[in-house]
């Protein structure tokens, strides 16, 4: 049974948890930009409740616009004193919205997700887009649903880093044996980050197992309301790691993936076959910064005289509530200066496929983020999600955008 098959009364109770206090308003990126109540979590919950009661139909374009404009960043969850489970509410709403969309738009969004979550299809899509000089306009217009708006498609160079071996031995005495997610977008665009992650884990005494059977974790599908497909991928991920039950942790370097994998136990709680396996799996999932902070960094470091700033990826800071661990690791590098970033926890506008489905708002948020980065004076911004890395990088010149794992590898003594 999926979340969408839960009793209607449970969903209604979650919607009613909101007391409309408004403390979420200034945490919401879209509200900060538009100042519209309908673009706030509180306003969207009113729309979700109307949808739940059957008061919104296929013709309610305005309501769909405001619900679609939600980034799913979950900043409101951190600000909410009532514990409203907004992330799950908006994902259920998106599944309902998908049924309201024109068939061609729904098919285009599903096709995009399928192309991004399969490395072979993603490489082919990147090749076609480059040959065409960008995303073909008819497909872009289908994604946005707005005839005059063309989706943004930043195209970082494909990583040429070779695939990781099945096992990377620990350097020195083995302290732990961990599995590692290589991901979809991360594998294709940021293979070097996967390599950096494996290297710093091994340098700190971890034997790293790279399961060659793993596929997509389902995060993008689940975040965009394609619940059934997302849960199929979640089950496949659990199956792929089942032969390695003796692992101390399953380490993830992509914030969005880690957030979803930590929720498998909840997502599959009504599945008789997978519920217990999903619970055990989720308990082992750790972000790489979280895990190394808990394990204790013991690899020798060299000095790096550099000033950097740090952007909190939404699904690391808000969904996983991990903010201090990456900063502690970064600040431990000798000679490095970490300067604060104004609105560090405000979404950059990438948000999975948001920069393709809501390009106008996405660009506004990216430009706001870039302005804050430039104001720090730092020449490097560090962040923990491939979408953030690609989207911020598309808006800056002469500013490095790197993953914490890359910075930490640079600091390792040879």
Protein backbone atom coordinates (compact mmCIF):
# COMPACT_ATOMS: atom_id res chain seq x y z
CA UNK A 1 0.00 0.00 0.00
CA UNK A 2 1.38 3.46 -0.91
CA UNK A 3 0.86 6.75 0.86
CA UNK A 4 -1.86 7.56 -1.64
CA UNK A 5 -3.83 4.54 -0.41
CA UNK A 6 -3.84 5.69 3.22
CA UNK A 7 -7.33 6.40 4.61
CA UNK A 8 -8.64 9.80 3.62
CA UNK A 9 -9.15 10.66 7.26
CA UNK A 10 -5.40 10.38 7.97
CA UNK A 11 -4.61 12.82 5.17
CA UNK A 12 -7.32 15.17 6.42
CA UNK A 13 -5.91 15.08 9.96
CA UNK A 14 -2.48 16.01 8.62
CA UNK A 15 -3.96 18.92 6.69
CA UNK A 16 -5.81 20.07 9.82
CA UNK A 17 -2.56 20.09 11.82
CA UNK A 18 -1.89 23.53 10.33
CA UNK A 19 -3.23 26.24 12.65
CA UNK A 20 -2.52 29.00 10.09
CA UNK A 21 -0.22 30.89 12.45
CA UNK A 22 1.89 32.23 9.57
CA UNK A 23 5.32 31.47 11.07
CA UNK A 24 6.13 29.60 7.86
CA UNK A 25 5.65 32.60 5.59
CA UNK A 26 9.11 34.13 5.73
CA UNK A 27 10.72 30.70 5.49
CA UNK A 28 9.08 30.09 2.11
CA UNK A 29 11.20 31.11 -0.91
CA UNK A 30 8.26 31.72 -3.23
CA UNK A 31 6.48 33.87 -0.65
CA UNK A 32 9.67 35.91 -0.24
CA UNK A 33 9.62 36.59 -4.00
CA UNK A 34 5.90 37.19 -4.63
CA UNK A 35 4.51 38.21 -1.23
CA UNK A 36 1.35 36.32 -2.17
CA UNK A 37 -0.49 34.30 0.48
CA UNK A 38 -1.31 31.72 -2.21
CA UNK A 39 2.44 31.18 -2.70
CA UNK A 40 2.98 30.40 0.98
CA UNK A 41 2.77 27.03 2.76
CA UNK A 42 -0.28 28.24 4.70
CA UNK A 43 -2.04 29.29 1.52
CA UNK A 44 -1.15 26.08 -0.28
CA UNK A 45 -2.52 23.99 2.58
CA UNK A 46 -5.84 25.78 2.10
CA UNK A 47 -5.69 24.79 -1.58
CA UNK A 48 -4.74 21.20 -0.70
CA UNK A 49 -7.68 20.98 1.69
CA UNK A 50 -10.00 22.22 -1.08
CA UNK A 51 -8.52 19.60 -3.41
CA UNK A 52 -9.05 16.91 -0.77
CA UNK A 53 -12.71 17.93 -0.45
CA UNK A 54 -13.15 17.72 -4.22
CA UNK A 55 -13.61 21.46 -4.66
CA UNK A 56 -10.79 21.87 -7.22
CA UNK A 57 -11.29 20.56 -10.72
CA UNK A 58 -9.20 20.31 -13.87
CA UNK A 59 -10.18 23.86 -14.77
CA UNK A 60 -8.77 25.46 -11.61
CA UNK A 61 -5.64 26.70 -13.34
CA UNK A 62 -4.87 29.34 -10.70
CA UNK A 63 -4.85 26.82 -7.86
CA UNK A 64 -2.66 24.46 -9.86
CA UNK A 65 -0.25 27.33 -10.58
CA UNK A 66 0.30 28.07 -6.89
CA UNK A 67 0.66 24.41 -5.94
CA UNK A 68 3.05 23.77 -8.84
CA UNK A 69 5.09 26.79 -7.79
CA UNK A 70 5.98 25.10 -4.48
CA UNK A 71 9.63 24.02 -4.51
CA UNK A 72 9.11 21.19 -2.03
CA UNK A 73 12.12 22.59 -0.12
CA UNK A 74 10.49 21.88 3.28
CA UNK A 75 11.82 25.06 4.88
CA UNK A 76 8.33 25.52 6.31
CA UNK A 77 8.68 22.27 8.27
CA UNK A 78 11.63 23.69 10.18
CA UNK A 79 9.71 26.89 10.98
CA UNK A 80 6.41 25.17 11.88
CA UNK A 81 5.63 24.90 15.62
CA UNK A 82 2.77 22.46 14.96
CA UNK A 83 4.79 19.80 13.14
CA UNK A 84 2.80 19.92 9.91
CA UNK A 85 4.21 17.16 7.62
CA UNK A 86 4.21 19.53 4.66
CA UNK A 87 6.64 17.51 2.53
CA UNK A 88 4.39 14.46 2.43
CA UNK A 89 1.27 16.62 2.00
CA UNK A 90 2.62 18.37 -1.07
CA UNK A 91 3.76 15.09 -2.63
CA UNK A 92 0.26 13.65 -2.24
CA UNK A 93 -1.13 16.88 -3.73
CA UNK A 94 1.21 16.58 -6.69
CA UNK A 95 -0.02 13.07 -7.40
CA UNK A 96 -3.54 14.52 -7.58
CA UNK A 97 -2.33 17.43 -9.71
CA UNK A 98 -0.77 15.01 -12.18
CA UNK A 99 -4.20 13.50 -12.78
CA UNK A 100 -5.54 16.98 -13.56
CA UNK A 101 -2.86 17.83 -16.10
CA UNK A 102 -3.29 17.50 -19.85
CA UNK A 103 -2.15 14.03 -20.85
CA UNK A 104 0.72 15.38 -22.99
CA UNK A 105 2.12 17.46 -20.13
CA UNK A 106 1.90 14.58 -17.67
CA UNK A 107 3.65 12.31 -20.17
CA UNK A 108 6.38 14.89 -20.81
CA UNK A 109 7.12 15.25 -17.10
CA UNK A 110 7.25 11.50 -16.61
CA UNK A 111 9.53 11.13 -19.64
CA UNK A 112 11.86 13.79 -18.24
CA UNK A 113 12.07 11.98 -14.90
CA UNK A 114 12.75 8.69 -16.63
CA UNK A 115 15.56 10.26 -18.68
CA UNK A 116 17.19 11.83 -15.62
CA UNK A 117 17.05 8.69 -13.48
CA UNK A 118 18.65 6.26 -15.92
CA UNK A 119 22.32 7.01 -16.66
CA UNK A 120 22.22 5.68 -20.23
CA UNK A 121 19.09 7.66 -21.10
CA UNK A 122 20.49 10.74 -19.40
CA UNK A 123 23.69 10.59 -21.44
CA UNK A 124 21.64 10.26 -24.62
CA UNK A 125 19.40 13.19 -23.61
CA UNK A 126 22.43 15.36 -22.92
CA UNK A 127 23.90 14.51 -26.31
CA UNK A 128 20.64 15.33 -28.11
CA UNK A 129 20.24 18.59 -26.19
CA UNK A 130 23.76 19.72 -27.01
CA UNK A 131 23.33 18.90 -30.69
CA UNK A 132 20.05 20.82 -30.69
CA UNK A 133 21.58 23.77 -28.83
CA UNK A 134 19.34 23.21 -25.80
CA UNK A 135 16.12 21.50 -24.85
CA UNK A 136 13.77 21.34 -27.87
CA UNK A 137 11.21 24.15 -27.51
CA UNK A 138 8.04 22.06 -27.99
CA UNK A 139 9.10 19.70 -25.19
CA UNK A 140 10.09 22.63 -22.96
CA UNK A 141 6.68 24.24 -23.45
CA UNK A 142 4.97 20.96 -22.60
CA UNK A 143 6.87 20.83 -19.30
CA UNK A 144 5.97 24.35 -18.25
CA UNK A 145 2.43 24.41 -19.60
CA UNK A 146 3.07 28.04 -20.58
CA UNK A 147 3.34 28.66 -24.36
CA UNK A 148 5.54 31.74 -24.01
CA UNK A 149 7.98 30.30 -21.48
CA UNK A 150 10.96 28.11 -22.36
CA UNK A 151 12.48 25.87 -19.73
CA UNK A 152 16.02 26.47 -18.55
CA UNK A 153 18.39 23.58 -19.17
CA UNK A 154 21.93 24.17 -17.88
CA UNK A 155 24.14 21.46 -19.28
CA UNK A 156 27.29 20.82 -17.23
CA UNK A 157 29.94 18.80 -18.97
CA UNK A 158 29.50 15.08 -18.50
CA UNK A 159 31.93 13.60 -15.99
CA UNK A 160 34.69 11.52 -17.54
CA UNK A 161 35.64 9.90 -14.24
CA UNK A 162 35.75 6.09 -14.59
CA UNK A 163 33.20 4.03 -12.67
CA UNK A 164 34.27 3.11 -9.16
CA UNK A 165 35.44 -0.42 -8.42
CA UNK A 166 33.17 -2.76 -6.49
CA UNK A 167 35.27 -2.43 -3.33
CA UNK A 168 37.58 0.39 -2.22
CA UNK A 169 39.73 -0.84 0.68
CA UNK A 170 40.18 1.18 3.84
CA UNK A 171 43.42 3.08 4.20
CA UNK A 172 45.04 1.85 7.40
CA UNK A 173 43.08 -0.10 10.03
CA UNK A 174 39.47 -0.70 8.99
CA UNK A 175 37.03 1.20 11.20
CA UNK A 176 33.83 0.47 9.25
CA UNK A 177 32.39 -1.19 6.16
CA UNK A 178 29.97 1.04 4.27
CA UNK A 179 27.90 0.93 1.13
CA UNK A 180 27.79 3.95 -1.15
CA UNK A 181 25.08 5.32 -3.40
CA UNK A 182 26.50 6.41 -6.76
CA UNK A 183 23.19 7.91 -7.90
CA UNK A 184 21.88 8.95 -11.31
CA UNK A 185 22.68 12.61 -11.93
CA UNK A 186 25.70 12.32 -9.65
CA UNK A 187 27.01 9.33 -11.62
CA UNK A 188 26.67 11.07 -14.99
CA UNK A 189 27.55 14.71 -14.23
CA UNK A 190 29.61 14.45 -11.05
CA UNK A 191 31.43 11.14 -11.14
CA UNK A 192 34.42 12.98 -9.70
CA UNK A 193 32.37 13.75 -6.57
CA UNK A 194 31.59 10.05 -6.19
CA UNK A 195 35.30 9.32 -6.45
CA UNK A 196 36.10 12.06 -3.91
CA UNK A 197 33.50 10.61 -1.55
CA UNK A 198 34.98 7.12 -1.77
CA UNK A 199 38.50 8.46 -1.27
CA UNK A 200 37.72 10.44 1.90
CA UNK A 201 35.76 7.54 3.36
CA UNK A 202 38.65 5.16 2.69
CA UNK A 203 41.14 7.67 4.09
CA UNK A 204 39.18 7.62 7.34
CA UNK A 205 39.28 3.85 7.67
CA UNK A 206 36.13 2.83 5.77
CA UNK A 207 36.00 -0.08 3.39
CA UNK A 208 33.62 1.18 0.70
CA UNK A 209 31.32 -1.23 -1.15
CA UNK A 210 29.92 0.12 -4.42
CA UNK A 211 27.01 -2.15 -5.24
CA UNK A 212 26.94 -2.48 -9.02
CA UNK A 213 23.22 -3.48 -9.03
CA UNK A 214 21.92 -0.22 -7.61
CA UNK A 215 19.70 2.02 -9.72
CA UNK A 216 17.65 5.14 -8.99
CA UNK A 217 16.43 5.75 -5.42
CA UNK A 218 13.04 7.09 -6.58
CA UNK A 219 13.45 10.57 -5.07
CA UNK A 220 12.63 12.62 -8.18
CA UNK A 221 9.53 10.58 -8.98
CA UNK A 222 8.25 10.73 -5.40
CA UNK A 223 8.90 14.46 -5.09
CA UNK A 224 6.95 15.07 -8.30
CA UNK A 225 3.88 12.99 -7.53
CA UNK A 226 4.68 9.85 -9.54
CA UNK A 227 4.27 7.80 -6.42
CA UNK A 228 3.84 4.32 -7.86
CA UNK A 229 6.97 4.53 -9.98
CA UNK A 230 8.97 6.02 -7.11
CA UNK A 231 8.02 3.16 -4.79
CA UNK A 232 8.97 0.58 -7.43
CA UNK A 233 12.43 2.17 -7.57
CA UNK A 234 12.65 2.26 -3.76
CA UNK A 235 11.94 -1.47 -3.55
CA UNK A 236 14.58 -2.15 -6.21
CA UNK A 237 17.12 -0.12 -4.22
CA UNK A 238 16.40 -2.13 -1.08
CA UNK A 239 16.73 -5.37 -3.08
CA UNK A 240 20.06 -4.21 -4.50
CA UNK A 241 21.55 -3.64 -1.04
CA UNK A 242 19.98 -6.69 0.63
CA UNK A 243 23.05 -8.92 -0.01
CA UNK A 244 25.10 -6.42 2.01
CA UNK A 245 23.10 -6.46 5.24
CA UNK A 246 26.31 -6.39 7.28
CA UNK A 247 27.12 -2.82 6.27
CA UNK A 248 27.63 -0.29 9.06
CA UNK A 249 26.05 2.45 6.94
CA UNK A 250 24.82 3.31 3.46
CA UNK A 251 26.51 6.59 2.64
CA UNK A 252 24.90 9.13 0.30
CA UNK A 253 26.42 12.31 -1.15
CA UNK A 254 23.23 13.70 -2.76
CA UNK A 255 20.90 15.49 -0.34
CA UNK A 256 17.68 14.75 -2.20
CA UNK A 257 18.48 11.05 -2.52
CA UNK A 258 19.50 10.73 1.12
CA UNK A 259 16.33 12.43 2.30
CA UNK A 260 14.11 10.00 0.40
CA UNK A 261 16.11 6.91 1.32
CA UNK A 262 15.79 7.83 4.99
CA UNK A 263 12.01 7.83 4.48
CA UNK A 264 11.73 4.35 2.91
CA UNK A 265 10.59 2.93 6.24
CA UNK A 266 7.66 5.36 6.28
CA UNK A 267 6.92 5.11 2.56
CA UNK A 268 6.70 1.31 2.63
CA UNK A 269 5.26 0.90 6.12
CA UNK A 270 2.06 -0.69 4.74
CA UNK A 271 3.91 -3.08 2.41
CA UNK A 272 3.91 -6.48 4.12
CA UNK A 273 6.91 -7.73 2.14
CA UNK A 274 9.10 -4.63 2.42
CA UNK A 275 8.08 -2.79 5.60
CA UNK A 276 10.70 -4.29 7.93
CA UNK A 277 13.43 -4.36 5.30
CA UNK A 278 12.71 -0.72 4.44
CA UNK A 279 12.88 0.27 8.10
CA UNK A 280 16.27 -1.40 8.57
CA UNK A 281 17.55 0.07 5.31
CA UNK A 282 16.52 3.62 6.26
CA UNK A 283 18.20 3.35 9.64
CA UNK A 284 21.54 2.79 7.90
CA UNK A 285 21.32 5.72 5.46
CA UNK A 286 23.72 8.56 6.28
CA UNK A 287 24.80 11.65 4.42
CA UNK A 288 28.57 11.56 3.90
CA UNK A 289 29.13 14.64 6.08
CA UNK A 290 26.84 13.24 8.77
CA UNK A 291 28.65 9.90 8.78
CA UNK A 292 32.18 11.28 8.84
CA UNK A 293 31.22 13.73 11.58
CA UNK A 294 29.82 10.86 13.68
CA UNK A 295 32.69 8.49 12.91
CA UNK A 296 35.28 11.15 13.61
CA UNK A 297 37.65 12.43 10.93
CA UNK A 298 41.13 11.04 11.62
CA UNK A 299 42.92 11.43 8.27
CA UNK A 300 45.78 13.96 8.23
CA UNK A 301 44.99 17.26 6.50
CA UNK A 302 47.11 19.77 4.67
CA UNK A 303 46.63 23.52 4.78
CA UNK A 304 44.31 25.19 2.27
CA UNK A 305 44.43 28.98 2.34
CA UNK A 306 41.06 29.77 0.85
CA UNK A 307 37.84 31.58 1.71
CA UNK A 308 34.65 29.66 1.04
CA UNK A 309 30.96 29.97 1.82
CA UNK A 310 28.37 27.23 2.29
CA UNK A 311 24.87 26.91 0.82
CA UNK A 312 22.51 24.57 2.69
CA UNK A 313 20.93 22.18 0.19
CA UNK A 314 17.23 22.04 1.12
CA UNK A 315 16.95 18.28 1.50
CA UNK A 316 20.03 18.19 3.70
CA UNK A 317 19.30 21.19 5.91
CA UNK A 318 15.49 21.12 6.03
CA UNK A 319 14.49 17.52 5.37
CA UNK A 320 17.42 15.81 7.14
CA UNK A 321 18.14 18.66 9.60
CA UNK A 322 21.89 18.34 8.91
CA UNK A 323 23.50 21.78 9.03
CA UNK A 324 26.41 21.66 11.46
CA UNK A 325 28.19 18.44 10.37
CA UNK A 326 29.39 19.73 6.97
CA UNK A 327 30.44 23.01 8.51
CA UNK A 328 32.44 21.26 11.25
CA UNK A 329 34.29 19.19 8.66
CA UNK A 330 35.00 22.18 6.44
CA UNK A 331 36.18 24.34 9.33
CA UNK A 332 38.58 21.61 10.43
CA UNK A 333 40.66 22.18 7.29
CA UNK A 334 43.80 24.12 8.32
CA UNK A 335 44.01 27.61 6.83
CA UNK A 336 40.47 27.58 5.44
CA UNK A 337 38.07 30.45 6.17
CA UNK A 338 34.33 29.76 6.09
CA UNK A 339 32.25 32.93 5.76
CA UNK A 340 28.49 33.03 6.41
CA UNK A 341 26.04 33.24 3.52
CA UNK A 342 22.96 35.43 3.87
CA UNK A 343 19.82 33.32 3.32
CA UNK A 344 21.98 30.20 3.29
CA UNK A 345 18.91 28.01 3.80
CA UNK A 346 16.74 29.64 1.11
CA UNK A 347 16.34 27.39 -1.93
CA UNK A 348 18.49 28.19 -4.96
CA UNK A 349 15.63 27.34 -7.32
CA UNK A 350 16.92 24.04 -8.70
CA UNK A 351 14.65 21.74 -6.66
CA UNK A 352 14.89 18.59 -8.77
CA UNK A 353 13.19 19.39 -12.09
CA UNK A 354 11.73 22.70 -10.86
CA UNK A 355 14.10 24.79 -12.97
CA UNK A 356 12.59 23.05 -16.01
CA UNK A 357 8.92 23.13 -15.00
CA UNK A 358 8.88 26.58 -13.32
CA UNK A 359 11.71 28.44 -15.08
CA UNK A 360 10.62 32.01 -14.27
CA UNK A 361 10.52 31.54 -10.51
CA UNK A 362 13.59 29.32 -10.61
CA UNK A 363 15.67 32.04 -12.26
CA UNK A 364 14.55 34.63 -9.71
CA UNK A 365 15.63 32.38 -6.87
CA UNK A 366 18.92 31.53 -8.54
CA UNK A 367 19.75 35.19 -9.10
CA UNK A 368 18.86 35.95 -5.46
CA UNK A 369 21.16 33.15 -4.31
CA UNK A 370 24.00 34.25 -6.60
CA UNK A 371 23.75 37.85 -5.35
CA UNK A 372 24.11 36.63 -1.77
CA UNK A 373 27.08 34.44 -2.72
CA UNK A 374 28.85 37.33 -4.43
CA UNK A 375 28.25 39.54 -1.38
CA UNK A 376 30.33 37.16 0.78
CA UNK A 377 33.51 37.85 -1.21
CA UNK A 378 34.23 34.10 -1.28
CA UNK A 379 35.52 32.64 -4.53
CA UNK A 380 34.09 29.18 -3.79
CA UNK A 381 30.64 28.04 -2.68
CA UNK A 382 30.25 24.59 -1.18
CA UNK A 383 26.98 22.64 -1.34
CA UNK A 384 25.82 19.05 -0.99
CA UNK A 385 23.44 18.35 -3.87
CA UNK A 386 24.08 17.93 -7.61
CA UNK A 387 21.04 20.01 -8.58
CA UNK A 388 22.24 22.92 -6.45
CA UNK A 389 25.73 22.60 -7.87
CA UNK A 390 24.58 22.66 -11.49
CA UNK A 391 22.01 25.43 -11.05
CA UNK A 392 24.17 27.81 -9.02
CA UNK A 393 27.08 27.18 -11.39
CA UNK A 394 24.87 28.21 -14.33
CA UNK A 395 24.49 31.67 -12.79
CA UNK A 396 28.04 32.56 -11.71
CA UNK A 397 31.29 33.51 -13.40
CA UNK A 398 34.70 32.95 -11.80
CA UNK A 399 33.13 31.36 -8.70
CA UNK A 400 33.87 27.72 -7.94
CA UNK A 401 30.92 25.52 -6.97
CA UNK A 402 31.98 22.30 -5.29
CA UNK A 403 30.75 19.50 -3.08
CA UNK A 404 32.07 19.20 0.51
CA UNK A 405 33.57 15.82 -0.41
CA UNK A 406 35.68 17.47 -3.11
CA UNK A 407 36.95 20.16 -0.75
CA UNK A 408 37.77 17.55 1.89
CA UNK A 409 39.64 15.42 -0.63
CA UNK A 410 41.69 18.44 -1.64
CA UNK A 411 42.64 18.78 2.01
CA UNK A 412 43.91 15.21 2.37
CA UNK A 413 47.63 14.80 2.79
CA UNK A 414 49.07 12.47 0.16
